[in-house]
Amino acid sequence: MKIAKKIFKWILYFLLIPITYIIVSLILSAITVDRKANNENFNKSIYLSTNGVHLYIVIPIKDVDSLVLSGIKHNGSENYLSSLGR
């Protein structure tokens, strides 16, 4: 009888993990976010370039904040900033 009790207890412990996960995911998926539409118009471009193996993110320098550019080595005549670098 003790062995059956221990086996039953371990089965419950084992099933407790997925059951807890399902309960938490159902509770958290019920939480909604109020999405307020703001009338701000963002005209910023991001380009993607690939050579078949690597994907590069290319951003026009005019769209990058000057504080971010201060920490990046770049030439003043360049128009785009790429994730590849030099």
Protein backbone atom coordinates (compact mmCIF):
# COMPACT_ATOMS: atom_id res chain seq x y z
CA MET A 1 0.00 0.00 0.00
CA LYS A 2 2.89 2.39 0.78
CA ILE A 3 4.43 1.78 -2.63
CA ALA A 4 1.17 2.53 -4.45
CA LYS A 5 0.81 5.73 -2.43
CA LYS A 6 4.34 6.84 -3.37
CA ILE A 7 3.79 6.04 -7.05
CA PHE A 8 0.51 7.95 -7.06
CA LYS A 9 2.20 10.90 -5.32
CA TRP A 10 5.03 11.00 -7.90
CA ILE A 11 2.56 10.81 -10.78
CA LEU A 12 0.73 13.79 -9.32
CA TYR A 13 3.99 15.71 -8.93
CA PHE A 14 4.88 14.89 -12.53
CA LEU A 15 1.50 16.03 -13.86
CA LEU A 16 1.54 19.17 -11.74
CA ILE A 17 4.06 20.89 -14.04
CA PRO A 18 2.02 20.81 -17.30
CA ILE A 19 -1.24 21.46 -15.47
CA THR A 20 0.26 24.54 -13.79
CA TYR A 21 1.63 25.71 -17.13
CA ILE A 22 -1.79 25.40 -18.79
CA ILE A 23 -3.56 27.22 -15.95
CA VAL A 24 -1.04 30.08 -15.92
CA SER A 25 -1.14 30.44 -19.72
CA LEU A 26 -4.94 30.59 -19.71
CA ILE A 27 -4.95 33.23 -16.97
CA LEU A 28 -2.27 35.35 -18.67
CA SER A 29 -3.90 35.11 -22.09
CA ALA A 30 -7.09 36.57 -20.61
CA ILE A 31 -5.26 39.82 -19.74
CA THR A 32 -5.93 42.41 -22.43
CA VAL A 33 -4.04 45.54 -23.37
CA ASP A 34 -5.86 48.72 -24.26
CA ARG A 35 -4.51 49.75 -27.61
CA LYS A 36 -4.93 53.43 -28.16
CA ALA A 37 -4.34 54.59 -31.69
CA ASN A 38 -2.03 57.57 -31.73
CA ASN A 39 -2.11 59.87 -34.68
CA GLU A 40 1.64 60.22 -34.85
CA ASN A 41 2.99 59.50 -38.28
CA PHE A 42 6.34 57.75 -38.27
CA ASN A 43 8.13 57.99 -41.58
CA LYS A 44 11.23 55.97 -40.82
CA SER A 45 12.60 53.30 -43.12
CA ILE A 46 14.42 50.08 -42.37
CA TYR A 47 15.81 47.98 -45.20
CA LEU A 48 16.80 44.33 -45.16
CA SER A 49 19.53 42.96 -47.38
CA THR A 50 20.63 39.35 -47.72
CA ASN A 51 23.27 37.38 -49.56
CA GLY A 52 21.44 34.10 -49.02
CA VAL A 53 23.28 33.32 -45.80
CA HIS A 54 23.34 36.50 -43.74
CA LEU A 55 20.61 39.08 -43.20
CA TYR A 56 21.72 42.70 -42.83
CA ILE A 57 19.66 45.51 -41.34
CA VAL A 58 20.23 48.79 -43.18
CA ILE A 59 18.98 52.08 -41.67
CA PRO A 60 19.31 55.56 -43.18
CA ILE A 61 21.60 57.66 -40.97
CA LYS A 62 19.08 60.51 -40.98
CA ASP A 63 16.66 58.21 -39.08
CA VAL A 64 19.17 57.30 -36.36
CA ASP A 65 19.32 59.38 -33.19
CA SER A 66 22.48 61.49 -32.79
CA LEU A 67 23.10 60.00 -29.34
CA VAL A 68 23.28 56.53 -30.90
CA LEU A 69 25.56 57.76 -33.69
CA SER A 70 28.00 59.26 -31.19
CA GLY A 71 29.01 55.75 -30.09
CA ILE A 72 29.40 54.36 -33.60
CA LYS A 73 32.36 54.92 -35.92
CA HIS A 74 31.00 56.21 -39.21
CA ASN A 75 32.05 58.47 -42.03
CA GLY A 76 30.14 61.74 -42.38
CA SER A 77 29.54 61.12 -46.08
CA GLU A 78 27.74 57.81 -45.53
CA ASN A 79 23.98 57.78 -46.02
CA TYR A 80 23.16 54.36 -44.53
CA LEU A 81 24.14 52.40 -41.45
CA SER A 82 24.33 48.62 -41.74
CA SER A 83 24.42 45.88 -39.12
CA LEU A 84 27.46 44.39 -40.86
CA GLY A 85 29.84 47.21 -40.06
CA ARG A 86 33.24 47.50 -41.68
